[in-house]
Amino acid sequence: MTSDGEPMGEEPRSPISPHVIKRPVMTQVWRDVTFAHWPVPVAAVDALLPSG
């Protein structure tokens, strides 16, 4: 999203990044992920996720 709340348009896709990233804003590693492997009612999870 842009600063005014509008969605950003699509950028061309390429295996080479069009932007030089000097310093990443954040990083993620697999230890930061949780996998839940038990049944949960769809409505309970759906209420926690954004639409779409």
C-alpha atoms as a PDB file:
ATOM      1  CA  MET A   1       0.000   0.000   0.000  1.00  0.00           C
ATOM      2  CA  THR A   2       1.034   3.551  -0.529  1.00  0.00           C
ATOM      3  CA  SER A   3       1.137   6.197   2.188  1.00  0.00           C
ATOM      4  CA  ASP A   4      -2.379   7.337   1.231  1.00  0.00           C
ATOM      5  CA  GLY A   5      -3.790   3.826   1.713  1.00  0.00           C
ATOM      6  CA  GLU A   6      -4.092   2.974  -1.974  1.00  0.00           C
ATOM      7  CA  PRO A   7      -2.771  -0.352  -3.290  1.00  0.00           C
ATOM      8  CA  MET A   8       0.506  -0.181  -5.183  1.00  0.00           C
ATOM      9  CA  GLY A   9       0.504  -0.991  -8.874  1.00  0.00           C
ATOM     10  CA  GLU A  10       2.344  -4.023 -10.189  1.00  0.00           C
ATOM     11  CA  GLU A  11       6.006  -3.685 -11.040  1.00  0.00           C
ATOM     12  CA  PRO A  12       7.680  -5.570 -13.868  1.00  0.00           C
ATOM     13  CA  ARG A  13       8.970  -8.977 -12.752  1.00  0.00           C
ATOM     14  CA  SER A  14      12.561  -9.942 -13.363  1.00  0.00           C
ATOM     15  CA  PRO A  15      15.101 -12.286 -11.759  1.00  0.00           C
ATOM     16  CA  ILE A  16      17.261  -9.174 -11.263  1.00  0.00           C
ATOM     17  CA  SER A  17      15.996  -6.691  -8.676  1.00  0.00           C
ATOM     18  CA  PRO A  18      15.292  -3.215 -10.091  1.00  0.00           C
ATOM     19  CA  HIS A  19      16.005  -1.714  -6.648  1.00  0.00           C
ATOM     20  CA  VAL A  20      19.272  -1.714  -4.769  1.00  0.00           C
ATOM     21  CA  ILE A  21      18.629  -2.709  -1.155  1.00  0.00           C
ATOM     22  CA  LYS A  22      21.230  -1.084   1.069  1.00  0.00           C
ATOM     23  CA  ARG A  23      19.919  -2.436   4.356  1.00  0.00           C
ATOM     24  CA  PRO A  24      16.918  -4.755   4.807  1.00  0.00           C
ATOM     25  CA  VAL A  25      14.096  -3.530   7.029  1.00  0.00           C
ATOM     26  CA  MET A  26      13.696  -6.974   8.576  1.00  0.00           C
ATOM     27  CA  THR A  27      14.775 -10.560   8.160  1.00  0.00           C
ATOM     28  CA  GLN A  28      13.015 -13.850   8.788  1.00  0.00           C
ATOM     29  CA  VAL A  29      14.382 -17.293   9.504  1.00  0.00           C
ATOM     30  CA  TRP A  30      12.588 -20.621   9.819  1.00  0.00           C
ATOM     31  CA  ARG A  31      12.807 -20.555  13.619  1.00  0.00           C
ATOM     32  CA  ASP A  32      10.373 -17.580  13.512  1.00  0.00           C
ATOM     33  CA  VAL A  33       7.612 -19.735  11.984  1.00  0.00           C
ATOM     34  CA  THR A  34       5.049 -21.836  13.837  1.00  0.00           C
ATOM     35  CA  PHE A  35       3.138 -24.661  12.202  1.00  0.00           C
ATOM     36  CA  ALA A  36      -0.076 -25.738  13.913  1.00  0.00           C
ATOM     37  CA  HIS A  37      -1.083 -29.321  13.139  1.00  0.00           C
ATOM     38  CA  TRP A  38      -4.401 -29.783  14.870  1.00  0.00           C
ATOM     39  CA  PRO A  39      -7.971 -29.198  13.685  1.00  0.00           C
ATOM     40  CA  VAL A  40      -9.335 -25.708  14.248  1.00  0.00           C
ATOM     41  CA  PRO A  41     -12.779 -24.472  13.169  1.00  0.00           C
ATOM     42  CA  VAL A  42     -12.473 -22.471   9.946  1.00  0.00           C
ATOM     43  CA  ALA A  43     -14.534 -19.607  11.384  1.00  0.00           C
ATOM     44  CA  ALA A  44     -12.137 -19.234  14.333  1.00  0.00           C
ATOM     45  CA  VAL A  45      -9.129 -18.824  12.041  1.00  0.00           C
ATOM     46  CA  ASP A  46     -10.989 -16.817   9.404  1.00  0.00           C
ATOM     47  CA  ALA A  47     -11.882 -14.158  11.974  1.00  0.00           C
ATOM     48  CA  LEU A  48      -8.150 -13.554  12.589  1.00  0.00           C
ATOM     49  CA  LEU A  49      -7.111 -13.142   8.945  1.00  0.00           C
ATOM     50  CA  PRO A  50      -7.573 -10.156   6.616  1.00  0.00           C
ATOM     51  CA  SER A  51     -10.163 -10.556   3.872  1.00  0.00           C
ATOM     52  CA  GLY A  52      -9.004 -11.985   0.576  1.00  0.00           C
END
